[in-house]
Amino acid sequence: MTIDPSPRNRLVVDGAAFQLGLSHAVALWESLLTPLARSLDLVLLDRGRAPAVPNATLVPFPSYKSAFAAADSILLDQTCSHLGADTFVSTTYTTPLRIPMVLLVDDGEGVGDRRAAPRERQERELAIHYACERLCTGRTARDGLLREFPSLGPDAVSVCDSTSGHPLPDPNSIAESLLQ
């Protein structure tokens, strides 16, 4: 597959949440992808059930299996490099190896949920520490993240501005944060 180079920042989004059917994450990302594609050169990795997004490139990608998370990180990194990604964002907690990553943490996610499987907790922790920037959709997510990972410090976690009064973050504020 050939993707034309673009003067805009290229954002690669891993659509794992769509494959996994994570309803809260899917609702959040469905509201964000179209506005992000208007502001950024968006490439969506389709692991299955990813939506068609106007102005975005949909790239078929192997299904996510947590048992192969290490190999998945290698493949994500190689794919991002091949696509010329400036930034990577996951709809879950998948991570590349070298590509700069912005982590979006949603208020409804339950960061620090001790009921999560050990492998899932480990992947969350890795993504949280690997991310160059951590954006939270609200103060609840930010406070939970800082409580669970006090070594991050308050300056390492931002809250997206939501001027619309809607419970989801303003896609323009997220796009602006990704451009910085």
N, C-alpha and C. Protein backbone atom coordinates (compact mmCIF):
# COMPACT_ATOMS: atom_id res chain seq x y z
N MET A 1 0.85 -1.17 0.00
CA MET A 1 0.00 0.00 0.00
C MET A 1 0.89 1.23 0.00
N THR A 2 0.56 2.19 -0.83
CA THR A 2 1.31 3.44 -0.90
C THR A 2 0.47 4.56 -0.32
N ILE A 3 1.08 5.30 0.58
CA ILE A 3 0.41 6.45 1.16
C ILE A 3 1.23 7.66 0.80
N ASP A 4 0.60 8.66 0.20
CA ASP A 4 1.31 9.86 -0.23
C ASP A 4 1.84 10.62 0.97
N PRO A 5 3.06 11.17 0.83
CA PRO A 5 3.57 12.02 1.92
C PRO A 5 2.69 13.25 2.05
N SER A 6 2.56 13.74 3.25
CA SER A 6 1.70 14.89 3.50
C SER A 6 2.44 15.93 4.32
N PRO A 7 2.18 17.22 4.08
CA PRO A 7 2.81 18.24 4.89
C PRO A 7 2.22 18.29 6.31
N ARG A 8 1.03 17.71 6.49
CA ARG A 8 0.42 17.70 7.82
C ARG A 8 1.04 16.60 8.66
N ASN A 9 0.95 16.72 9.98
CA ASN A 9 1.46 15.67 10.86
C ASN A 9 0.68 14.38 10.61
N ARG A 10 1.40 13.28 10.49
CA ARG A 10 0.76 11.99 10.26
C ARG A 10 0.56 11.30 11.60
N LEU A 11 -0.69 11.05 11.91
CA LEU A 11 -1.09 10.37 13.13
C LEU A 11 -1.57 8.98 12.77
N VAL A 12 -0.94 7.97 13.36
CA VAL A 12 -1.38 6.59 13.16
C VAL A 12 -2.15 6.18 14.41
N VAL A 13 -3.39 5.74 14.22
CA VAL A 13 -4.26 5.32 15.32
C VAL A 13 -4.48 3.82 15.20
N ASP A 14 -4.20 3.10 16.27
CA ASP A 14 -4.45 1.66 16.31
C ASP A 14 -5.90 1.44 16.71
N GLY A 15 -6.67 0.83 15.83
CA GLY A 15 -8.10 0.61 16.07
C GLY A 15 -8.42 -0.65 16.84
N ALA A 16 -7.55 -1.08 17.74
CA ALA A 16 -7.76 -2.33 18.49
C ALA A 16 -9.08 -2.34 19.26
N ALA A 17 -9.51 -1.20 19.78
CA ALA A 17 -10.75 -1.15 20.57
C ALA A 17 -11.96 -1.57 19.73
N PHE A 18 -11.93 -1.26 18.43
CA PHE A 18 -13.04 -1.64 17.56
C PHE A 18 -13.08 -3.16 17.40
N GLN A 19 -11.91 -3.78 17.20
CA GLN A 19 -11.83 -5.24 17.09
C GLN A 19 -12.30 -5.90 18.38
N LEU A 20 -11.87 -5.36 19.52
CA LEU A 20 -12.18 -5.96 20.81
C LEU A 20 -13.59 -5.65 21.31
N GLY A 21 -14.27 -4.70 20.64
CA GLY A 21 -15.63 -4.35 21.03
C GLY A 21 -15.72 -3.65 22.37
N LEU A 22 -14.72 -2.83 22.70
CA LEU A 22 -14.71 -2.09 23.96
C LEU A 22 -15.64 -0.88 23.80
N SER A 23 -16.89 -1.05 24.21
CA SER A 23 -17.95 -0.09 23.88
C SER A 23 -17.66 1.35 24.29
N HIS A 24 -17.11 1.55 25.49
CA HIS A 24 -16.86 2.92 25.94
C HIS A 24 -15.76 3.57 25.08
N ALA A 25 -14.69 2.82 24.81
CA ALA A 25 -13.60 3.33 23.98
C ALA A 25 -14.08 3.54 22.54
N VAL A 26 -14.90 2.63 22.03
CA VAL A 26 -15.43 2.77 20.67
C VAL A 26 -16.25 4.05 20.55
N ALA A 27 -17.12 4.32 21.52
CA ALA A 27 -17.94 5.54 21.48
C ALA A 27 -17.06 6.79 21.49
N LEU A 28 -16.05 6.79 22.33
CA LEU A 28 -15.14 7.93 22.39
C LEU A 28 -14.44 8.13 21.06
N TRP A 29 -13.84 7.07 20.53
CA TRP A 29 -13.06 7.19 19.30
C TRP A 29 -13.93 7.47 18.08
N GLU A 30 -15.14 6.94 18.04
CA GLU A 30 -16.03 7.28 16.91
C GLU A 30 -16.31 8.77 16.87
N SER A 31 -16.35 9.42 18.04
CA SER A 31 -16.61 10.86 18.08
C SER A 31 -15.36 11.67 17.73
N LEU A 32 -14.18 11.08 17.87
CA LEU A 32 -12.93 11.82 17.68
C LEU A 32 -12.30 11.66 16.29
N LEU A 33 -12.48 10.52 15.65
CA LEU A 33 -11.73 10.23 14.44
C LEU A 33 -12.00 11.21 13.29
N THR A 34 -13.25 11.52 13.02
CA THR A 34 -13.55 12.43 11.90
C THR A 34 -12.98 13.82 12.12
N PRO A 35 -13.18 14.43 13.30
CA PRO A 35 -12.55 15.75 13.51
C PRO A 35 -11.02 15.69 13.46
N LEU A 36 -10.44 14.62 13.98
CA LEU A 36 -8.98 14.49 13.92
C LEU A 36 -8.49 14.38 12.48
N ALA A 37 -9.25 13.66 11.64
CA ALA A 37 -8.87 13.49 10.24
C ALA A 37 -8.96 14.82 9.47
N ARG A 38 -9.75 15.75 9.96
CA ARG A 38 -9.79 17.08 9.32
C ARG A 38 -8.56 17.90 9.67
N SER A 39 -7.96 17.65 10.82
CA SER A 39 -6.82 18.44 11.30
C SER A 39 -5.47 17.79 11.03
N LEU A 40 -5.44 16.47 10.96
CA LEU A 40 -4.19 15.72 10.84
C LEU A 40 -4.29 14.75 9.68
N ASP A 41 -3.15 14.27 9.22
CA ASP A 41 -3.09 13.21 8.23
C ASP A 41 -3.27 11.90 9.01
N LEU A 42 -4.50 11.41 9.07
CA LEU A 42 -4.85 10.29 9.94
C LEU A 42 -4.82 8.97 9.19
N VAL A 43 -4.11 8.00 9.77
CA VAL A 43 -4.08 6.62 9.28
C VAL A 43 -4.65 5.76 10.39
N LEU A 44 -5.71 5.01 10.09
CA LEU A 44 -6.35 4.15 11.08
C LEU A 44 -6.01 2.70 10.77
N LEU A 45 -5.36 2.03 11.72
CA LEU A 45 -5.04 0.61 11.57
C LEU A 45 -6.29 -0.20 11.91
N ASP A 46 -6.81 -0.91 10.92
CA ASP A 46 -8.05 -1.66 11.08
C ASP A 46 -7.76 -3.11 11.42
N ARG A 47 -7.97 -3.44 12.69
CA ARG A 47 -7.79 -4.81 13.16
C ARG A 47 -9.11 -5.59 13.05
N GLY A 48 -10.13 -4.92 12.56
CA GLY A 48 -11.47 -5.51 12.42
C GLY A 48 -12.49 -4.57 13.00
N ARG A 49 -13.54 -4.32 12.25
CA ARG A 49 -14.68 -3.50 12.66
C ARG A 49 -14.37 -2.01 12.84
N ALA A 50 -13.27 -1.54 12.28
CA ALA A 50 -12.97 -0.10 12.36
C ALA A 50 -13.90 0.63 11.39
N PRO A 51 -14.37 1.81 11.77
CA PRO A 51 -15.28 2.56 10.90
C PRO A 51 -14.53 3.22 9.74
N ALA A 52 -15.25 3.45 8.65
CA ALA A 52 -14.69 4.27 7.58
C ALA A 52 -14.72 5.71 8.07
N VAL A 53 -13.63 6.42 7.91
CA VAL A 53 -13.51 7.79 8.41
C VAL A 53 -13.18 8.70 7.22
N PRO A 54 -14.02 9.69 6.95
CA PRO A 54 -13.72 10.61 5.85
C PRO A 54 -12.34 11.26 6.06
N ASN A 55 -11.60 11.39 4.99
CA ASN A 55 -10.27 12.02 4.98
C ASN A 55 -9.21 11.22 5.71
N ALA A 56 -9.49 9.98 6.08
CA ALA A 56 -8.50 9.13 6.75
C ALA A 56 -8.19 7.94 5.85
N THR A 57 -7.01 7.37 6.03
CA THR A 57 -6.62 6.16 5.32
C THR A 57 -6.80 4.98 6.25
N LEU A 58 -7.54 3.98 5.79
CA LEU A 58 -7.78 2.77 6.57
C LEU A 58 -6.79 1.71 6.09
N VAL A 59 -5.98 1.18 6.99
CA VAL A 59 -4.97 0.18 6.64
C VAL A 59 -5.30 -1.12 7.38
N PRO A 60 -5.52 -2.22 6.64
CA PRO A 60 -5.78 -3.50 7.30
C PRO A 60 -4.56 -3.89 8.16
N PHE A 61 -4.86 -4.43 9.34
CA PHE A 61 -3.79 -4.78 10.28
C PHE A 61 -4.20 -6.05 11.01
N PRO A 62 -3.23 -6.91 11.39
CA PRO A 62 -3.58 -8.17 12.07
C PRO A 62 -4.35 -7.94 13.38
N SER A 63 -5.21 -8.89 13.69
CA SER A 63 -5.99 -8.84 14.92
C SER A 63 -5.08 -8.79 16.14
N TYR A 64 -5.56 -8.11 17.17
CA TYR A 64 -4.81 -8.01 18.41
C TYR A 64 -5.07 -9.24 19.27
N LYS A 65 -4.00 -9.81 19.81
CA LYS A 65 -4.08 -10.91 20.78
C LYS A 65 -3.09 -10.58 21.88
N SER A 66 -3.57 -10.45 23.10
CA SER A 66 -2.71 -10.01 24.20
C SER A 66 -1.54 -10.95 24.45
N ALA A 67 -1.69 -12.22 24.11
CA ALA A 67 -0.60 -13.18 24.32
C ALA A 67 0.61 -12.85 23.44
N PHE A 68 0.39 -12.06 22.40
CA PHE A 68 1.47 -11.70 21.47
C PHE A 68 1.77 -10.21 21.51
N ALA A 69 1.62 -9.59 22.68
CA ALA A 69 1.78 -8.14 22.80
C ALA A 69 3.18 -7.67 22.39
N ALA A 70 4.21 -8.42 22.71
CA ALA A 70 5.57 -8.01 22.35
C ALA A 70 5.74 -7.99 20.83
N ALA A 71 5.32 -9.05 20.17
CA ALA A 71 5.40 -9.10 18.70
C ALA A 71 4.52 -8.00 18.08
N ASP A 72 3.39 -7.74 18.70
CA ASP A 72 2.49 -6.70 18.23
C ASP A 72 3.18 -5.33 18.28
N SER A 73 3.92 -5.06 19.35
CA SER A 73 4.65 -3.79 19.48
C SER A 73 5.69 -3.65 18.37
N ILE A 74 6.38 -4.73 18.04
CA ILE A 74 7.37 -4.70 16.96
C ILE A 74 6.68 -4.39 15.63
N LEU A 75 5.58 -5.08 15.36
CA LEU A 75 4.85 -4.85 14.10
C LEU A 75 4.28 -3.44 14.03
N LEU A 76 3.75 -2.94 15.15
CA LEU A 76 3.25 -1.56 15.18
C LEU A 76 4.37 -0.58 14.85
N ASP A 77 5.53 -0.78 15.45
CA ASP A 77 6.64 0.12 15.23
C ASP A 77 7.09 0.09 13.77
N GLN A 78 7.22 -1.10 13.19
CA GLN A 78 7.63 -1.23 11.80
C GLN A 78 6.60 -0.59 10.87
N THR A 79 5.33 -0.80 11.16
CA THR A 79 4.27 -0.23 10.33
C THR A 79 4.26 1.29 10.43
N CYS A 80 4.37 1.81 11.64
CA CYS A 80 4.41 3.26 11.82
C CYS A 80 5.60 3.88 11.08
N SER A 81 6.75 3.23 11.16
CA SER A 81 7.93 3.72 10.44
C SER A 81 7.69 3.70 8.94
N HIS A 82 7.13 2.61 8.44
CA HIS A 82 6.84 2.48 7.01
C HIS A 82 5.85 3.56 6.54
N LEU A 83 4.87 3.86 7.38
CA LEU A 83 3.85 4.85 7.02
C LEU A 83 4.32 6.29 7.24
N GLY A 84 5.49 6.45 7.85
CA GLY A 84 6.00 7.80 8.11
C GLY A 84 5.26 8.51 9.23
N ALA A 85 4.88 7.76 10.25
CA ALA A 85 4.11 8.34 11.37
C ALA A 85 4.94 9.34 12.15
N ASP A 86 4.32 10.46 12.47
CA ASP A 86 4.92 11.42 13.39
C ASP A 86 4.56 11.07 14.82
N THR A 87 3.34 10.55 14.99
CA THR A 87 2.81 10.24 16.31
C THR A 87 1.92 9.00 16.21
N PHE A 88 1.88 8.23 17.28
CA PHE A 88 1.03 7.04 17.39
C PHE A 88 0.07 7.25 18.55
N VAL A 89 -1.17 6.83 18.34
CA VAL A 89 -2.17 6.82 19.41
C VAL A 89 -2.89 5.48 19.36
N SER A 90 -3.10 4.88 20.50
CA SER A 90 -3.84 3.62 20.56
C SER A 90 -5.23 3.87 21.11
N THR A 91 -6.20 3.12 20.61
CA THR A 91 -7.55 3.19 21.17
C THR A 91 -7.65 2.31 22.42
N THR A 92 -6.60 1.56 22.70
CA THR A 92 -6.50 0.76 23.93
C THR A 92 -5.15 1.10 24.57
N TYR A 93 -4.33 0.09 24.83
CA TYR A 93 -3.02 0.32 25.44
C TYR A 93 -1.90 -0.34 24.64
N THR A 94 -2.07 -0.48 23.33
CA THR A 94 -1.00 -1.03 22.51
C THR A 94 0.09 0.03 22.35
N THR A 95 1.34 -0.42 22.20
CA THR A 95 2.46 0.52 22.09
C THR A 95 3.44 0.08 21.01
N PRO A 96 3.98 1.05 20.27
CA PRO A 96 5.11 0.74 19.38
C PRO A 96 6.39 0.73 20.22
N LEU A 97 7.53 0.61 19.58
CA LEU A 97 8.79 0.58 20.31
C LEU A 97 9.53 1.92 20.33
N ARG A 98 9.46 2.67 19.19
CA ARG A 98 10.24 3.89 19.09
C ARG A 98 9.42 5.11 18.66
N ILE A 99 8.29 4.92 18.05
CA ILE A 99 7.49 6.03 17.54
C ILE A 99 6.89 6.79 18.72
N PRO A 100 6.95 8.12 18.72
CA PRO A 100 6.34 8.88 19.82
C PRO A 100 4.86 8.56 19.95
N MET A 101 4.43 8.39 21.18
CA MET A 101 3.04 7.98 21.45
C MET A 101 2.37 8.98 22.39
N VAL A 102 1.13 9.30 22.04
CA VAL A 102 0.28 10.08 22.93
C VAL A 102 -0.80 9.12 23.43
N LEU A 103 -0.98 9.08 24.73
CA LEU A 103 -1.97 8.19 25.34
C LEU A 103 -3.18 9.01 25.74
N LEU A 104 -4.35 8.60 25.26
CA LEU A 104 -5.60 9.25 25.65
C LEU A 104 -6.27 8.36 26.70
N VAL A 105 -6.42 8.91 27.91
CA VAL A 105 -7.02 8.17 29.02
C VAL A 105 -8.39 8.75 29.27
N ASP A 106 -9.40 7.90 29.18
CA ASP A 106 -10.79 8.34 29.30
C ASP A 106 -11.29 8.20 30.73
N ASP A 107 -12.14 9.14 31.15
CA ASP A 107 -12.74 9.10 32.49
C ASP A 107 -13.44 7.78 32.77
N GLY A 108 -14.04 7.17 31.75
CA GLY A 108 -14.81 5.94 31.95
C GLY A 108 -13.98 4.68 31.95
N GLU A 109 -12.66 4.79 31.84
CA GLU A 109 -11.82 3.62 31.69
C GLU A 109 -11.52 2.86 32.96
N GLY A 110 -11.50 3.51 34.08
CA GLY A 110 -11.16 2.81 35.31
C GLY A 110 -9.68 2.52 35.41
N VAL A 111 -8.84 3.53 35.23
CA VAL A 111 -7.40 3.37 35.37
C VAL A 111 -7.11 2.83 36.77
N GLY A 112 -6.22 1.88 36.84
CA GLY A 112 -5.86 1.31 38.13
C GLY A 112 -6.85 0.25 38.60
N ASP A 113 -7.72 -0.20 37.71
CA ASP A 113 -8.71 -1.21 38.05
C ASP A 113 -8.00 -2.52 38.40
N ARG A 114 -8.03 -2.88 39.65
CA ARG A 114 -7.33 -4.09 40.12
C ARG A 114 -8.03 -5.37 39.66
N ARG A 115 -9.26 -5.24 39.11
CA ARG A 115 -9.96 -6.42 38.63
C ARG A 115 -9.50 -6.84 37.24
N ALA A 116 -8.74 -5.98 36.56
CA ALA A 116 -8.24 -6.30 35.23
C ALA A 116 -7.26 -7.47 35.33
N ALA A 117 -7.19 -8.24 34.25
CA ALA A 117 -6.26 -9.37 34.20
C ALA A 117 -4.82 -8.85 34.33
N PRO A 118 -3.93 -9.65 34.91
CA PRO A 118 -2.54 -9.20 35.09
C PRO A 118 -1.88 -8.72 33.79
N ARG A 119 -2.11 -9.43 32.70
CA ARG A 119 -1.50 -9.04 31.43
C ARG A 119 -2.03 -7.67 30.98
N GLU A 120 -3.33 -7.45 31.15
CA GLU A 120 -3.94 -6.17 30.78
C GLU A 120 -3.37 -5.04 31.64
N ARG A 121 -3.22 -5.28 32.94
CA ARG A 121 -2.63 -4.26 33.82
C ARG A 121 -1.19 -3.94 33.40
N GLN A 122 -0.45 -5.00 33.03
CA GLN A 122 0.93 -4.81 32.61
C GLN A 122 0.99 -3.98 31.32
N GLU A 123 0.10 -4.24 30.37
CA GLU A 123 0.08 -3.48 29.13
C GLU A 123 -0.30 -2.02 29.39
N ARG A 124 -1.25 -1.79 30.29
CA ARG A 124 -1.63 -0.42 30.66
C ARG A 124 -0.45 0.32 31.24
N GLU A 125 0.25 -0.33 32.18
CA GLU A 125 1.39 0.30 32.83
C GLU A 125 2.48 0.64 31.82
N LEU A 126 2.77 -0.29 30.92
CA LEU A 126 3.77 -0.06 29.89
C LEU A 126 3.38 1.14 29.02
N ALA A 127 2.14 1.19 28.57
CA ALA A 127 1.67 2.29 27.72
C ALA A 127 1.73 3.62 28.46
N ILE A 128 1.34 3.62 29.71
CA ILE A 128 1.33 4.86 30.51
C ILE A 128 2.76 5.39 30.67
N HIS A 129 3.71 4.51 30.91
CA HIS A 129 5.09 4.95 31.09
C HIS A 129 5.77 5.27 29.76
N TYR A 130 5.40 4.57 28.68
CA TYR A 130 6.03 4.78 27.38
C TYR A 130 5.58 6.10 26.73
N ALA A 131 4.35 6.48 26.95
CA ALA A 131 3.78 7.65 26.27
C ALA A 131 4.61 8.91 26.50
N CYS A 132 4.77 9.68 25.43
CA CYS A 132 5.45 10.99 25.52
C CYS A 132 4.53 12.01 26.17
N GLU A 133 3.24 11.82 25.93
CA GLU A 133 2.24 12.72 26.51
C GLU A 133 1.03 11.89 26.89
N ARG A 134 0.41 12.25 28.01
CA ARG A 134 -0.79 11.58 28.49
C ARG A 134 -1.90 12.62 28.56
N LEU A 135 -2.95 12.42 27.75
CA LEU A 135 -4.10 13.31 27.74
C LEU A 135 -5.28 12.60 28.40
N CYS A 136 -5.91 13.24 29.34
CA CYS A 136 -7.07 12.66 30.02
C CYS A 136 -8.32 13.42 29.59
N THR A 137 -9.43 12.69 29.49
CA THR A 137 -10.68 13.32 29.07
C THR A 137 -11.35 14.09 30.19
N GLY A 138 -10.83 13.99 31.37
CA GLY A 138 -11.41 14.72 32.50
C GLY A 138 -10.53 14.62 33.73
N ARG A 139 -10.91 15.35 34.74
CA ARG A 139 -10.12 15.37 35.99
C ARG A 139 -10.15 14.02 36.72
N THR A 140 -11.25 13.29 36.58
CA THR A 140 -11.34 11.99 37.24
C THR A 140 -10.26 11.06 36.73
N ALA A 141 -10.08 11.01 35.40
CA ALA A 141 -9.05 10.16 34.80
C ALA A 141 -7.66 10.65 35.21
N ARG A 142 -7.46 11.96 35.20
CA ARG A 142 -6.15 12.52 35.57
C ARG A 142 -5.82 12.18 37.03
N ASP A 143 -6.77 12.41 37.92
CA ASP A 143 -6.54 12.12 39.33
C ASP A 143 -6.26 10.64 39.56
N GLY A 144 -7.02 9.77 38.87
CA GLY A 144 -6.81 8.33 39.00
C GLY A 144 -5.45 7.90 38.49
N LEU A 145 -5.04 8.49 37.38
CA LEU A 145 -3.73 8.18 36.80
C LEU A 145 -2.60 8.60 37.74
N LEU A 146 -2.71 9.79 38.30
CA LEU A 146 -1.67 10.28 39.21
C LEU A 146 -1.67 9.52 40.53
N ARG A 147 -2.84 9.07 40.96
CA ARG A 147 -2.91 8.28 42.20
C ARG A 147 -2.24 6.92 41.97
N GLU A 148 -2.51 6.31 40.80
CA GLU A 148 -1.95 4.99 40.49
C GLU A 148 -0.46 5.07 40.14
N PHE A 149 -0.03 6.18 39.52
CA PHE A 149 1.36 6.33 39.08
C PHE A 149 1.91 7.67 39.57
N PRO A 150 2.16 7.80 40.88
CA PRO A 150 2.61 9.08 41.43
C PRO A 150 3.96 9.54 40.88
N SER A 151 4.75 8.62 40.36
CA SER A 151 6.05 8.99 39.81
C SER A 151 5.93 9.85 38.55
N LEU A 152 4.75 9.86 37.92
CA LEU A 152 4.56 10.68 36.72
C LEU A 152 4.65 12.17 37.03
N GLY A 153 4.07 12.57 38.12
CA GLY A 153 4.04 13.99 38.46
C GLY A 153 2.95 14.72 37.68
N PRO A 154 2.39 15.77 38.27
CA PRO A 154 1.27 16.48 37.67
C PRO A 154 1.55 17.08 36.29
N ASP A 155 2.79 17.47 36.02
CA ASP A 155 3.11 18.07 34.72
C ASP A 155 3.12 17.05 33.59
N ALA A 156 3.15 15.77 33.90
CA ALA A 156 3.22 14.71 32.89
C ALA A 156 1.85 14.28 32.39
N VAL A 157 0.78 14.83 32.99
CA VAL A 157 -0.59 14.42 32.63
C VAL A 157 -1.43 15.68 32.40
N SER A 158 -2.03 15.77 31.21
CA SER A 158 -2.87 16.92 30.86
C SER A 158 -4.33 16.52 30.80
N VAL A 159 -5.19 17.51 30.97
CA VAL A 159 -6.63 17.29 30.81
C VAL A 159 -7.05 18.04 29.55
N CYS A 160 -7.77 17.33 28.66
CA CYS A 160 -8.28 17.96 27.44
C CYS A 160 -9.35 18.97 27.82
N ASP A 161 -9.32 20.12 27.19
CA ASP A 161 -10.36 21.11 27.42
C ASP A 161 -11.64 20.64 26.77
N SER A 162 -12.73 20.70 27.49
CA SER A 162 -14.03 20.36 26.94
C SER A 162 -14.92 21.58 27.10
N THR A 163 -14.97 22.39 26.07
CA THR A 163 -15.74 23.62 26.14
C THR A 163 -17.20 23.41 25.73
N SER A 164 -17.50 22.23 25.18
CA SER A 164 -18.84 22.00 24.67
C SER A 164 -19.83 21.60 25.75
N GLY A 165 -19.35 21.25 26.95
CA GLY A 165 -20.23 20.75 27.99
C GLY A 165 -20.59 19.29 27.77
N HIS A 166 -20.10 18.71 26.69
CA HIS A 166 -20.34 17.30 26.37
C HIS A 166 -19.36 16.47 27.18
N PRO A 167 -19.74 15.24 27.61
CA PRO A 167 -18.83 14.45 28.43
C PRO A 167 -17.56 14.01 27.69
N LEU A 168 -17.57 14.05 26.36
CA LEU A 168 -16.39 13.67 25.60
C LEU A 168 -15.52 14.89 25.37
N PRO A 169 -14.22 14.70 25.24
CA PRO A 169 -13.33 15.84 25.03
C PRO A 169 -13.58 16.49 23.68
N ASP A 170 -13.21 17.74 23.58
CA ASP A 170 -13.31 18.48 22.34
C ASP A 170 -12.26 17.94 21.38
N PRO A 171 -12.67 17.38 20.23
CA PRO A 171 -11.69 16.83 19.29
C PRO A 171 -10.67 17.85 18.83
N ASN A 172 -11.05 19.11 18.73
CA ASN A 172 -10.10 20.15 18.32
C ASN A 172 -9.01 20.33 19.36
N SER A 173 -9.36 20.24 20.65
CA SER A 173 -8.33 20.38 21.69
C SER A 173 -7.38 19.19 21.66
N ILE A 174 -7.89 18.00 21.33
CA ILE A 174 -7.02 16.82 21.22
C ILE A 174 -6.11 16.98 20.01
N ALA A 175 -6.67 17.40 18.88
CA ALA A 175 -5.85 17.61 17.68
C ALA A 175 -4.77 18.64 17.95
N GLU A 176 -5.13 19.71 18.63
CA GLU A 176 -4.16 20.76 18.96
C GLU A 176 -3.04 20.18 19.85
N SER A 177 -3.41 19.35 20.82
CA SER A 177 -2.40 18.73 21.69
C SER A 177 -1.48 17.80 20.89
N LEU A 178 -2.04 17.09 19.92
CA LEU A 178 -1.24 16.18 19.11
C LEU A 178 -0.29 16.93 18.20
N LEU A 179 -0.64 18.14 17.80
CA LEU A 179 0.21 18.92 16.92
C LEU A 179 1.40 19.54 17.63
N GLN A 180 1.35 19.65 18.95
CA GLN A 180 2.43 20.29 19.70
C GLN A 180 3.65 19.42 19.79
